[in-house]
Structure formats: structure tokens, C-alpha cells
Amino acid sequence: MSEQIKPAQVTFTMKKEGFQFLGREFSLNNPDFGQIWGDFLNGEHGGYATLEKYQIPNQPNMNVWHNKHAEHKTYMVGKIVGDIDKVPDGFTLIKIPESEYFVITYEWVPANVQFNHHTGEYGNEQSWNTIFMPSSERINNWECFDNMKNLKLPDGYTMCNNEGNKIYFIEVDNFGTPDGNRIEFWVPIKKLSE
């Protein structure tokens, strides 16, 4: 049996310039993530193949969890892009403003190690790239979403993920980087004095 990999949790703050984000939006009212990913990857709009025409090189895949729509929360799968003359059919372009983020992640995992990046557990022979995971594993995103109010933020900061930009958090898939692989959750924050 190979050695078990249990990377330690890592948190830090960072500032990110504003960027344009192109993706497909999916309602979070009773979501079926298997269906969402099936539609995104295999549907008529082309998924990542369409996005690659517009993406800024070397930017990771991202999922933006937001509430820009009054009637539902939204899960948006996409990439950071440059200037676009015409938004492709079935996609939405949003501007994410400059923000400070509280980043929740774990130590980098070497690219050659079998590791389930979704649950942070070793041994199930899956990687995050296996999209159709059992719902028992996918629920971890909801746990993160629901438990954000319990986050221990750095002193002097508060979350600002339910105002202004309406971004709850951004899920960033870092795969195949020189540092290895890991998923990061970026939660918008601001200084209490602002």
C-alpha cells in the first residue's frame, strides 16, 4: 500500500486585480452536479473547448458561486478571459472586481500522486478531474458554502461576499502547475475600517 497523503490545511489572504470571467451559469435551486457537469462538458455549447478560444493563457479553471440573480444562487463554470467582442451562445460574461480574498486550501500535492482533491481524502483512486463523483463527495462544496459564516478570518477583516459584487466564493482548480495540484476557495473579504 502506498503512503497516505494528508496535506495540511493552509489559509492566507491575497489581493487579486479585477478580471473578466466567461462561463456557463447554472441555478443552485435543487442542483444535480452530475447533470450540470454533463451539460457543461458534453452539451451543445462546447464547455472548455469553447472557453479556450477566449481564455488568458495559464489561468486555472474556476467555478464562481454568486447571487447576482434575485431568484436563485448561481454556480458558474468558466475561465478568466481577455477582451471579447461577442459572448458565445449559452455563455455569460461577468466582471469580477478587484478584491482581497481569504484563501482556504491545503498544501500542494505532487502531480503524480493519486489524491481526491474534492474531499481532501486519500485512497479512493479518484482525482478532481473525475467529474461524475458520488453526491456524498460533491456535498463537500455545500458544506463549505454553508459553513463560511463560521470561518475564522484574520483579525481586522470581515467577509464581503453578500454585498456589492455578490460573489460568495470562487473555487480555483490548480492542476498541472509547477507546484503540483490543489483546489483553492477564495472568499471575498474587506478590512473592518472600510
N, C-alpha and C. Protein backbone atom coordinates (compact mmCIF):
# COMPACT_ATOMS: atom_id res chain seq x y z
N MET A 1 0.84 -1.18 0.00
CA MET A 1 0.00 0.00 0.00
C MET A 1 0.89 1.24 0.00
N SER A 2 0.52 2.18 -0.80
CA SER A 2 1.33 3.39 -0.87
C SER A 2 1.08 4.28 0.34
N GLU A 3 1.99 5.18 0.56
CA GLU A 3 1.89 6.10 1.68
C GLU A 3 0.67 7.01 1.52
N GLN A 4 -0.04 7.22 2.62
CA GLN A 4 -1.21 8.08 2.57
C GLN A 4 -0.78 9.55 2.59
N ILE A 5 -1.41 10.32 1.74
CA ILE A 5 -1.14 11.75 1.64
C ILE A 5 -2.26 12.49 2.34
N LYS A 6 -1.94 13.23 3.36
CA LYS A 6 -2.93 14.03 4.07
C LYS A 6 -2.37 15.44 4.23
N PRO A 7 -2.49 16.24 3.18
CA PRO A 7 -1.91 17.58 3.25
C PRO A 7 -2.61 18.45 4.29
N ALA A 8 -1.83 19.28 4.95
CA ALA A 8 -2.38 20.17 5.98
C ALA A 8 -3.15 21.30 5.33
N GLN A 9 -4.18 21.77 6.03
CA GLN A 9 -4.94 22.92 5.56
C GLN A 9 -4.04 24.16 5.61
N VAL A 10 -4.22 25.03 4.63
CA VAL A 10 -3.46 26.27 4.52
C VAL A 10 -4.46 27.39 4.29
N THR A 11 -4.27 28.51 4.99
CA THR A 11 -5.09 29.70 4.73
C THR A 11 -4.17 30.90 4.61
N PHE A 12 -4.59 31.84 3.77
CA PHE A 12 -3.82 33.08 3.61
C PHE A 12 -4.73 34.13 2.97
N THR A 13 -4.29 35.37 2.99
CA THR A 13 -5.02 36.43 2.30
C THR A 13 -4.23 36.84 1.08
N MET A 14 -4.95 37.34 0.08
CA MET A 14 -4.30 37.83 -1.13
C MET A 14 -5.20 38.88 -1.77
N LYS A 15 -4.60 39.72 -2.57
CA LYS A 15 -5.35 40.71 -3.34
C LYS A 15 -5.28 40.30 -4.80
N LYS A 16 -6.42 40.35 -5.48
CA LYS A 16 -6.48 39.98 -6.89
C LYS A 16 -7.10 41.12 -7.67
N GLU A 17 -6.44 41.52 -8.74
CA GLU A 17 -6.99 42.55 -9.62
C GLU A 17 -8.30 42.04 -10.21
N GLY A 18 -9.15 42.98 -10.62
CA GLY A 18 -10.40 42.60 -11.27
C GLY A 18 -10.14 41.83 -12.56
N PHE A 19 -11.09 41.02 -12.96
CA PHE A 19 -10.93 40.25 -14.19
C PHE A 19 -12.30 39.94 -14.80
N GLN A 20 -12.25 39.60 -16.08
CA GLN A 20 -13.45 39.16 -16.78
C GLN A 20 -13.52 37.65 -16.69
N PHE A 21 -14.72 37.16 -16.47
CA PHE A 21 -14.94 35.72 -16.30
C PHE A 21 -16.03 35.28 -17.26
N LEU A 22 -15.71 34.33 -18.11
CA LEU A 22 -16.65 33.80 -19.08
C LEU A 22 -17.00 32.38 -18.69
N GLY A 23 -18.30 32.10 -18.60
CA GLY A 23 -18.68 30.76 -18.21
C GLY A 23 -20.14 30.47 -18.46
N ARG A 24 -20.53 29.27 -18.06
CA ARG A 24 -21.93 28.85 -18.12
C ARG A 24 -22.51 28.96 -16.72
N GLU A 25 -23.70 29.52 -16.62
CA GLU A 25 -24.37 29.69 -15.34
C GLU A 25 -25.40 28.58 -15.14
N PHE A 26 -25.43 28.05 -13.90
CA PHE A 26 -26.38 27.01 -13.53
C PHE A 26 -27.03 27.40 -12.20
N SER A 27 -28.33 27.27 -12.13
CA SER A 27 -29.06 27.58 -10.90
C SER A 27 -28.69 26.59 -9.81
N LEU A 28 -28.60 27.10 -8.58
CA LEU A 28 -28.35 26.23 -7.43
C LEU A 28 -29.63 25.86 -6.71
N ASN A 29 -30.78 26.08 -7.35
CA ASN A 29 -32.05 25.57 -6.80
C ASN A 29 -32.13 24.09 -7.17
N ASN A 30 -31.98 23.23 -6.17
CA ASN A 30 -32.01 21.77 -6.39
C ASN A 30 -31.02 21.31 -7.45
N PRO A 31 -29.75 21.60 -7.30
CA PRO A 31 -28.79 21.26 -8.34
C PRO A 31 -28.47 19.77 -8.39
N ASP A 32 -28.19 19.30 -9.57
CA ASP A 32 -27.67 17.95 -9.80
C ASP A 32 -26.32 18.17 -10.47
N PHE A 33 -25.23 18.08 -9.70
CA PHE A 33 -23.91 18.42 -10.24
C PHE A 33 -23.47 17.48 -11.34
N GLY A 34 -23.90 16.23 -11.31
CA GLY A 34 -23.60 15.33 -12.42
C GLY A 34 -24.22 15.83 -13.71
N GLN A 35 -25.47 16.29 -13.63
CA GLN A 35 -26.15 16.84 -14.79
C GLN A 35 -25.52 18.16 -15.23
N ILE A 36 -25.17 19.00 -14.25
CA ILE A 36 -24.53 20.28 -14.57
C ILE A 36 -23.23 20.04 -15.35
N TRP A 37 -22.38 19.16 -14.83
CA TRP A 37 -21.10 18.91 -15.49
C TRP A 37 -21.29 18.18 -16.82
N GLY A 38 -22.27 17.28 -16.89
CA GLY A 38 -22.56 16.62 -18.16
C GLY A 38 -22.96 17.62 -19.22
N ASP A 39 -23.83 18.56 -18.84
CA ASP A 39 -24.28 19.59 -19.77
C ASP A 39 -23.11 20.49 -20.16
N PHE A 40 -22.29 20.87 -19.18
CA PHE A 40 -21.17 21.75 -19.48
C PHE A 40 -20.17 21.08 -20.41
N LEU A 41 -19.76 19.86 -20.08
CA LEU A 41 -18.71 19.20 -20.85
C LEU A 41 -19.18 18.61 -22.18
N ASN A 42 -20.42 18.12 -22.21
CA ASN A 42 -20.89 17.39 -23.39
C ASN A 42 -22.06 18.05 -24.09
N GLY A 43 -22.52 19.18 -23.60
CA GLY A 43 -23.68 19.84 -24.17
C GLY A 43 -23.37 20.57 -25.46
N GLU A 44 -24.39 21.18 -26.01
CA GLU A 44 -24.30 21.83 -27.31
C GLU A 44 -23.38 23.05 -27.34
N HIS A 45 -23.02 23.61 -26.17
CA HIS A 45 -22.26 24.86 -26.15
C HIS A 45 -20.75 24.68 -26.12
N GLY A 46 -20.28 23.45 -25.91
CA GLY A 46 -18.86 23.19 -26.07
C GLY A 46 -17.98 23.25 -24.84
N GLY A 47 -18.48 23.69 -23.68
CA GLY A 47 -17.70 23.66 -22.45
C GLY A 47 -16.34 24.31 -22.56
N TYR A 48 -15.32 23.61 -22.03
CA TYR A 48 -13.97 24.17 -22.03
C TYR A 48 -13.43 24.40 -23.44
N ALA A 49 -13.84 23.59 -24.41
CA ALA A 49 -13.37 23.79 -25.79
C ALA A 49 -13.76 25.17 -26.30
N THR A 50 -14.95 25.63 -25.95
CA THR A 50 -15.37 26.98 -26.35
C THR A 50 -14.58 28.03 -25.58
N LEU A 51 -14.41 27.81 -24.27
CA LEU A 51 -13.71 28.79 -23.43
C LEU A 51 -12.25 28.98 -23.83
N GLU A 52 -11.61 27.93 -24.30
CA GLU A 52 -10.19 28.00 -24.62
C GLU A 52 -9.89 29.04 -25.70
N LYS A 53 -10.86 29.34 -26.53
CA LYS A 53 -10.66 30.34 -27.58
C LYS A 53 -10.49 31.74 -27.00
N TYR A 54 -11.00 31.96 -25.79
CA TYR A 54 -11.04 33.29 -25.19
C TYR A 54 -10.15 33.44 -23.94
N GLN A 55 -9.73 32.33 -23.37
CA GLN A 55 -9.03 32.38 -22.08
C GLN A 55 -7.69 33.08 -22.15
N ILE A 56 -7.31 33.67 -21.04
CA ILE A 56 -5.96 34.19 -20.89
C ILE A 56 -5.07 32.99 -20.58
N PRO A 57 -3.93 32.84 -21.28
CA PRO A 57 -3.08 31.66 -21.08
C PRO A 57 -2.67 31.46 -19.62
N ASN A 58 -2.53 30.21 -19.26
CA ASN A 58 -2.03 29.78 -17.95
C ASN A 58 -2.94 30.17 -16.79
N GLN A 59 -4.22 30.40 -17.05
CA GLN A 59 -5.18 30.67 -15.98
C GLN A 59 -5.92 29.38 -15.65
N PRO A 60 -6.16 29.12 -14.37
CA PRO A 60 -6.83 27.87 -13.99
C PRO A 60 -8.33 27.90 -14.30
N ASN A 61 -8.93 26.73 -14.32
CA ASN A 61 -10.39 26.64 -14.38
C ASN A 61 -10.94 27.15 -13.06
N MET A 62 -12.11 27.79 -13.12
CA MET A 62 -12.71 28.35 -11.91
C MET A 62 -14.21 28.09 -11.92
N ASN A 63 -14.77 28.04 -10.72
CA ASN A 63 -16.21 27.98 -10.53
C ASN A 63 -16.56 29.13 -9.59
N VAL A 64 -17.42 30.02 -10.06
CA VAL A 64 -17.81 31.18 -9.26
C VAL A 64 -19.20 30.91 -8.69
N TRP A 65 -19.32 30.99 -7.38
CA TRP A 65 -20.59 30.81 -6.68
C TRP A 65 -21.10 32.21 -6.35
N HIS A 66 -22.22 32.63 -6.97
CA HIS A 66 -22.67 34.01 -6.77
C HIS A 66 -24.19 34.10 -6.64
N ASN A 67 -24.64 35.30 -6.25
CA ASN A 67 -26.09 35.55 -6.18
C ASN A 67 -26.45 36.83 -6.91
N LYS A 68 -25.97 36.95 -8.15
CA LYS A 68 -26.28 38.11 -8.97
C LYS A 68 -27.72 38.08 -9.46
N HIS A 69 -28.38 36.93 -9.39
CA HIS A 69 -29.77 36.79 -9.82
C HIS A 69 -30.66 36.72 -8.58
N ALA A 70 -31.65 37.55 -8.51
CA ALA A 70 -32.52 37.64 -7.32
C ALA A 70 -33.24 36.33 -7.04
N GLU A 71 -33.57 35.57 -8.07
CA GLU A 71 -34.40 34.38 -7.88
C GLU A 71 -33.64 33.12 -7.47
N HIS A 72 -32.31 33.12 -7.60
CA HIS A 72 -31.55 31.92 -7.21
C HIS A 72 -30.07 32.23 -7.08
N LYS A 73 -29.39 31.39 -6.31
CA LYS A 73 -27.93 31.42 -6.26
C LYS A 73 -27.43 30.68 -7.50
N THR A 74 -26.23 31.02 -7.92
CA THR A 74 -25.72 30.52 -9.20
C THR A 74 -24.34 29.91 -9.06
N TYR A 75 -24.14 28.82 -9.79
CA TYR A 75 -22.86 28.13 -9.92
C TYR A 75 -22.41 28.39 -11.36
N MET A 76 -21.26 29.03 -11.53
CA MET A 76 -20.81 29.42 -12.86
C MET A 76 -19.45 28.79 -13.14
N VAL A 77 -19.40 27.94 -14.15
CA VAL A 77 -18.19 27.23 -14.53
C VAL A 77 -17.52 28.00 -15.66
N GLY A 78 -16.22 28.30 -15.52
CA GLY A 78 -15.58 29.04 -16.61
C GLY A 78 -14.11 29.32 -16.42
N LYS A 79 -13.68 30.38 -17.10
CA LYS A 79 -12.27 30.77 -17.10
C LYS A 79 -12.13 32.29 -17.15
N ILE A 80 -10.97 32.76 -16.72
CA ILE A 80 -10.62 34.17 -16.86
C ILE A 80 -10.31 34.41 -18.34
N VAL A 81 -10.90 35.48 -18.88
CA VAL A 81 -10.72 35.76 -20.31
C VAL A 81 -10.28 37.20 -20.53
N GLY A 82 -9.81 37.46 -21.74
CA GLY A 82 -9.45 38.81 -22.15
C GLY A 82 -10.66 39.50 -22.75
N ASP A 83 -10.40 40.47 -23.62
CA ASP A 83 -11.49 41.20 -24.27
C ASP A 83 -12.24 40.29 -25.24
N ILE A 84 -13.55 40.43 -25.23
CA ILE A 84 -14.41 39.62 -26.09
C ILE A 84 -15.36 40.54 -26.85
N ASP A 85 -15.41 40.38 -28.17
CA ASP A 85 -16.34 41.17 -28.99
C ASP A 85 -17.76 40.65 -28.87
N LYS A 86 -17.92 39.32 -28.89
CA LYS A 86 -19.24 38.72 -28.83
C LYS A 86 -19.19 37.51 -27.91
N VAL A 87 -20.07 37.51 -26.92
CA VAL A 87 -20.13 36.39 -25.96
C VAL A 87 -20.72 35.18 -26.69
N PRO A 88 -20.05 34.02 -26.61
CA PRO A 88 -20.56 32.84 -27.30
C PRO A 88 -21.93 32.41 -26.77
N ASP A 89 -22.71 31.81 -27.64
CA ASP A 89 -24.05 31.34 -27.33
C ASP A 89 -24.03 30.43 -26.10
N GLY A 90 -24.93 30.67 -25.15
CA GLY A 90 -25.04 29.83 -23.96
C GLY A 90 -24.10 30.22 -22.83
N PHE A 91 -23.24 31.21 -23.04
CA PHE A 91 -22.28 31.63 -22.03
C PHE A 91 -22.64 33.02 -21.52
N THR A 92 -22.08 33.35 -20.36
CA THR A 92 -22.29 34.66 -19.74
C THR A 92 -20.93 35.24 -19.40
N LEU A 93 -20.78 36.54 -19.61
CA LEU A 93 -19.55 37.24 -19.27
C LEU A 93 -19.84 38.15 -18.08
N ILE A 94 -19.07 38.01 -17.00
CA ILE A 94 -19.22 38.89 -15.84
C ILE A 94 -17.88 39.52 -15.51
N LYS A 95 -17.92 40.65 -14.86
CA LYS A 95 -16.72 41.33 -14.39
C LYS A 95 -16.62 41.09 -12.89
N ILE A 96 -15.52 40.55 -12.46
CA ILE A 96 -15.28 40.35 -11.03
C ILE A 96 -14.32 41.45 -10.61
N PRO A 97 -14.77 42.31 -9.69
CA PRO A 97 -13.94 43.47 -9.33
C PRO A 97 -12.71 43.08 -8.51
N GLU A 98 -11.77 44.00 -8.46
CA GLU A 98 -10.60 43.80 -7.60
C GLU A 98 -11.09 43.54 -6.18
N SER A 99 -10.44 42.62 -5.51
CA SER A 99 -10.87 42.28 -4.16
C SER A 99 -9.71 41.64 -3.40
N GLU A 100 -9.83 41.72 -2.09
CA GLU A 100 -8.98 40.89 -1.24
C GLU A 100 -9.74 39.62 -0.98
N TYR A 101 -9.00 38.52 -0.84
CA TYR A 101 -9.62 37.22 -0.61
C TYR A 101 -8.95 36.52 0.55
N PHE A 102 -9.77 35.80 1.30
CA PHE A 102 -9.28 34.85 2.29
C PHE A 102 -9.29 33.51 1.57
N VAL A 103 -8.13 32.90 1.43
CA VAL A 103 -7.99 31.67 0.66
C VAL A 103 -7.90 30.48 1.60
N ILE A 104 -8.75 29.49 1.34
CA ILE A 104 -8.77 28.24 2.11
C ILE A 104 -8.34 27.13 1.16
N THR A 105 -7.29 26.43 1.51
CA THR A 105 -6.79 25.38 0.65
C THR A 105 -6.00 24.37 1.48
N TYR A 106 -5.10 23.65 0.85
CA TYR A 106 -4.23 22.69 1.53
C TYR A 106 -2.87 22.73 0.86
N GLU A 107 -1.90 22.11 1.48
CA GLU A 107 -0.55 22.08 0.91
C GLU A 107 -0.61 21.51 -0.50
N TRP A 108 0.32 21.93 -1.34
CA TRP A 108 0.39 21.41 -2.70
C TRP A 108 0.60 19.90 -2.68
N VAL A 109 -0.09 19.21 -3.55
CA VAL A 109 0.05 17.76 -3.69
C VAL A 109 0.80 17.50 -4.99
N PRO A 110 1.87 16.69 -4.95
CA PRO A 110 2.60 16.42 -6.19
C PRO A 110 1.67 15.89 -7.29
N ALA A 111 1.92 16.29 -8.51
CA ALA A 111 1.03 15.97 -9.63
C ALA A 111 0.89 14.46 -9.86
N ASN A 112 1.90 13.68 -9.48
CA ASN A 112 1.86 12.25 -9.76
C ASN A 112 1.19 11.42 -8.65
N VAL A 113 0.66 12.07 -7.63
CA VAL A 113 0.04 11.36 -6.51
C VAL A 113 -1.45 11.22 -6.73
N GLN A 114 -1.99 9.99 -6.55
CA GLN A 114 -3.44 9.78 -6.60
C GLN A 114 -4.03 10.40 -5.35
N PHE A 115 -4.93 11.34 -5.54
CA PHE A 115 -5.47 12.08 -4.41
C PHE A 115 -6.81 12.66 -4.81
N ASN A 116 -7.82 12.49 -3.96
CA ASN A 116 -9.13 13.07 -4.26
C ASN A 116 -9.12 14.52 -3.80
N HIS A 117 -8.93 15.42 -4.73
CA HIS A 117 -8.83 16.85 -4.40
C HIS A 117 -10.15 17.43 -3.95
N HIS A 118 -11.22 16.71 -4.22
CA HIS A 118 -12.52 17.26 -3.86
C HIS A 118 -12.79 17.13 -2.37
N THR A 119 -12.51 15.96 -1.80
CA THR A 119 -12.81 15.77 -0.39
C THR A 119 -11.60 15.97 0.50
N GLY A 120 -10.41 15.99 -0.10
CA GLY A 120 -9.22 16.11 0.72
C GLY A 120 -8.87 14.81 1.41
N GLU A 121 -9.38 13.69 0.89
CA GLU A 121 -9.10 12.39 1.48
C GLU A 121 -8.28 11.57 0.51
N TYR A 122 -7.46 10.69 1.04
CA TYR A 122 -6.63 9.83 0.22
C TYR A 122 -7.29 8.47 0.06
N GLY A 123 -7.04 7.79 -1.03
CA GLY A 123 -7.33 6.38 -1.12
C GLY A 123 -8.49 5.97 -1.98
N ASN A 124 -9.28 6.86 -2.52
CA ASN A 124 -10.43 6.41 -3.30
C ASN A 124 -10.12 6.36 -4.79
N GLU A 125 -8.86 6.53 -5.18
CA GLU A 125 -8.42 6.39 -6.56
C GLU A 125 -9.14 7.33 -7.52
N GLN A 126 -9.54 8.47 -7.03
CA GLN A 126 -10.17 9.47 -7.90
C GLN A 126 -9.36 10.75 -7.82
N SER A 127 -9.46 11.52 -8.83
CA SER A 127 -8.93 12.87 -8.76
C SER A 127 -10.05 13.83 -9.05
N TRP A 128 -9.81 15.08 -8.84
CA TRP A 128 -10.84 16.09 -9.11
C TRP A 128 -11.27 16.05 -10.57
N ASN A 129 -10.40 15.61 -11.45
CA ASN A 129 -10.75 15.58 -12.87
C ASN A 129 -11.81 14.54 -13.19
N THR A 130 -12.13 13.65 -12.26
CA THR A 130 -13.23 12.71 -12.45
C THR A 130 -14.49 13.45 -12.07
N ILE A 131 -15.19 13.95 -13.04
CA ILE A 131 -16.29 14.87 -12.81
C ILE A 131 -17.48 14.21 -12.14
N PHE A 132 -17.86 13.05 -12.57
CA PHE A 132 -19.09 12.43 -12.07
C PHE A 132 -18.83 11.68 -10.78
N MET A 133 -18.66 12.41 -9.69
CA MET A 133 -18.42 11.83 -8.38
C MET A 133 -19.74 11.56 -7.67
N PRO A 134 -19.76 10.61 -6.74
CA PRO A 134 -20.98 10.37 -5.96
C PRO A 134 -21.40 11.64 -5.21
N SER A 135 -22.68 11.81 -5.04
CA SER A 135 -23.17 13.02 -4.38
C SER A 135 -22.64 13.13 -2.95
N SER A 136 -22.30 12.00 -2.33
CA SER A 136 -21.75 12.06 -0.97
C SER A 136 -20.43 12.82 -0.95
N GLU A 137 -19.71 12.82 -2.06
CA GLU A 137 -18.46 13.59 -2.14
C GLU A 137 -18.73 15.01 -2.58
N ARG A 138 -19.63 15.19 -3.53
CA ARG A 138 -19.92 16.53 -4.04
C ARG A 138 -20.50 17.43 -2.96
N ILE A 139 -21.12 16.85 -1.96
CA ILE A 139 -21.75 17.66 -0.92
C ILE A 139 -20.73 18.52 -0.17
N ASN A 140 -19.46 18.19 -0.25
CA ASN A 140 -18.47 18.98 0.47
C ASN A 140 -18.44 20.43 0.03
N ASN A 141 -18.74 20.70 -1.24
CA ASN A 141 -18.83 22.09 -1.66
C ASN A 141 -19.93 22.81 -0.92
N TRP A 142 -21.07 22.14 -0.72
CA TRP A 142 -22.17 22.75 0.02
C TRP A 142 -21.77 22.99 1.47
N GLU A 143 -21.03 22.05 2.06
CA GLU A 143 -20.59 22.24 3.44
C GLU A 143 -19.72 23.48 3.54
N CYS A 144 -18.84 23.66 2.58
CA CYS A 144 -18.01 24.87 2.57
C CYS A 144 -18.90 26.09 2.44
N PHE A 145 -19.85 26.02 1.53
CA PHE A 145 -20.76 27.14 1.28
C PHE A 145 -21.56 27.49 2.53
N ASP A 146 -22.12 26.47 3.19
CA ASP A 146 -22.95 26.69 4.37
C ASP A 146 -22.14 27.12 5.59
N ASN A 147 -20.92 26.66 5.67
CA ASN A 147 -20.12 26.93 6.86
C ASN A 147 -19.23 28.15 6.75
N MET A 148 -19.35 28.90 5.66
CA MET A 148 -18.49 30.08 5.51
C MET A 148 -18.69 31.06 6.66
N LYS A 149 -19.90 31.15 7.19
CA LYS A 149 -20.15 32.09 8.29
C LYS A 149 -19.34 31.73 9.53
N ASN A 150 -18.83 30.51 9.61
CA ASN A 150 -18.05 30.07 10.76
C ASN A 150 -16.54 30.23 10.54
N LEU A 151 -16.15 30.78 9.39
CA LEU A 151 -14.72 30.92 9.11
C LEU A 151 -14.05 31.84 10.12
N LYS A 152 -12.87 31.47 10.51
CA LYS A 152 -12.04 32.31 11.37
C LYS A 152 -11.18 33.17 10.45
N LEU A 153 -11.60 34.41 10.28
CA LEU A 153 -10.88 35.33 9.39
C LEU A 153 -9.71 35.97 10.12
N PRO A 154 -8.75 36.50 9.38
CA PRO A 154 -7.66 37.24 10.02
C PRO A 154 -8.23 38.43 10.79
N ASP A 155 -7.57 38.79 11.87
CA ASP A 155 -8.01 39.95 12.67
C ASP A 155 -8.14 41.18 11.78
N GLY A 156 -9.20 41.94 12.01
CA GLY A 156 -9.40 43.18 11.29
C GLY A 156 -10.14 43.03 9.97
N TYR A 157 -10.61 41.82 9.63
CA TYR A 157 -11.30 41.58 8.36
C TYR A 157 -12.71 41.05 8.61
N THR A 158 -13.57 41.28 7.63
CA THR A 158 -14.91 40.71 7.61
C THR A 158 -15.19 40.22 6.20
N MET A 159 -16.09 39.25 6.06
CA MET A 159 -16.46 38.78 4.73
C MET A 159 -17.29 39.85 4.03
N CYS A 160 -17.12 39.97 2.74
CA CYS A 160 -17.96 40.89 1.97
C CYS A 160 -18.51 40.15 0.77
N ASN A 161 -18.94 38.91 1.01
CA ASN A 161 -19.38 38.07 -0.09
C ASN A 161 -20.89 38.08 -0.31
N ASN A 162 -21.60 38.97 0.35
CA ASN A 162 -23.03 39.05 0.12
C ASN A 162 -23.45 40.50 -0.15
N GLU A 163 -22.51 41.26 -0.67
CA GLU A 163 -22.79 42.67 -0.97
C GLU A 163 -21.97 43.06 -2.19
N GLY A 164 -22.31 44.15 -2.80
CA GLY A 164 -21.51 44.66 -3.92
C GLY A 164 -21.41 43.69 -5.07
N ASN A 165 -20.33 42.93 -5.11
CA ASN A 165 -20.10 42.04 -6.25
C ASN A 165 -20.92 40.76 -6.20
N LYS A 166 -21.53 40.47 -5.08
CA LYS A 166 -22.41 39.30 -4.93
C LYS A 166 -21.69 37.97 -5.15
N ILE A 167 -20.40 37.93 -4.96
CA ILE A 167 -19.63 36.69 -5.09
C ILE A 167 -19.54 36.04 -3.71
N TYR A 168 -20.05 34.82 -3.58
CA TYR A 168 -19.91 34.10 -2.31
C TYR A 168 -18.49 33.59 -2.17
N PHE A 169 -18.05 32.84 -3.16
CA PHE A 169 -16.65 32.42 -3.19
C PHE A 169 -16.33 31.93 -4.59
N ILE A 170 -15.03 31.81 -4.84
CA ILE A 170 -14.53 31.32 -6.12
C ILE A 170 -13.72 30.06 -5.84
N GLU A 171 -14.05 29.02 -6.56
CA GLU A 171 -13.36 27.74 -6.45
C GLU A 171 -12.34 27.68 -7.59
N VAL A 172 -11.07 27.55 -7.25
CA VAL A 172 -9.99 27.62 -8.24
C VAL A 172 -9.30 26.26 -8.32
N ASP A 173 -9.30 25.69 -9.53
CA ASP A 173 -8.70 24.36 -9.74
C ASP A 173 -7.28 24.52 -10.26
N ASN A 174 -6.31 24.34 -9.39
CA ASN A 174 -4.90 24.41 -9.77
C ASN A 174 -4.40 23.00 -10.07
N PHE A 175 -4.33 22.65 -11.34
CA PHE A 175 -3.85 21.32 -11.72
C PHE A 175 -2.76 21.45 -12.77
N GLY A 176 -1.76 20.60 -12.62
CA GLY A 176 -0.67 20.59 -13.58
C GLY A 176 0.23 21.81 -13.48
N THR A 177 0.30 22.43 -12.31
CA THR A 177 1.16 23.59 -12.13
C THR A 177 2.56 23.12 -11.72
N PRO A 178 3.57 23.97 -11.84
CA PRO A 178 4.91 23.58 -11.38
C PRO A 178 4.93 23.22 -9.89
N ASP A 179 4.00 23.79 -9.09
CA ASP A 179 3.94 23.48 -7.66
C ASP A 179 3.21 22.18 -7.36
N GLY A 180 2.44 21.67 -8.30
CA GLY A 180 1.62 20.48 -8.08
C GLY A 180 0.16 20.81 -8.29
N ASN A 181 -0.69 20.17 -7.50
CA ASN A 181 -2.14 20.33 -7.64
C ASN A 181 -2.77 20.72 -6.31
N ARG A 182 -3.84 21.53 -6.38
CA ARG A 182 -4.69 21.79 -5.23
C ARG A 182 -5.88 22.64 -5.66
N ILE A 183 -6.92 22.58 -4.88
CA ILE A 183 -8.09 23.42 -5.10
C ILE A 183 -8.06 24.51 -4.03
N GLU A 184 -8.38 25.73 -4.45
CA GLU A 184 -8.45 26.85 -3.51
C GLU A 184 -9.86 27.42 -3.51
N PHE A 185 -10.32 27.83 -2.34
CA PHE A 185 -11.57 28.56 -2.21
C PHE A 185 -11.22 29.99 -1.83
N TRP A 186 -11.60 30.95 -2.67
CA TRP A 186 -11.33 32.36 -2.43
C TRP A 186 -12.61 33.01 -1.92
N VAL A 187 -12.59 33.52 -0.70
CA VAL A 187 -13.75 34.18 -0.11
C VAL A 187 -13.46 35.69 -0.06
N PRO A 188 -14.30 36.51 -0.69
CA PRO A 188 -14.06 37.97 -0.66
C PRO A 188 -14.11 38.51 0.77
N ILE A 189 -13.12 39.33 1.12
CA ILE A 189 -13.06 39.95 2.44
C ILE A 189 -12.74 41.43 2.30
N LYS A 190 -12.94 42.16 3.37
CA LYS A 190 -12.53 43.57 3.41
C LYS A 190 -12.12 43.89 4.83
N LYS A 191 -11.32 44.95 4.97
CA LYS A 191 -10.91 45.40 6.29
C LYS A 191 -12.11 46.01 6.99
N LEU A 192 -12.20 45.83 8.29
CA LEU A 192 -13.34 46.33 9.05
C LEU A 192 -13.48 47.83 8.95
N SER A 193 -12.40 48.54 8.74
CA SER A 193 -12.44 50.00 8.70
C SER A 193 -12.98 50.54 7.37
N GLU A 194 -13.15 49.69 6.37
CA GLU A 194 -13.60 50.13 5.04
C GLU A 194 -15.12 50.27 4.98
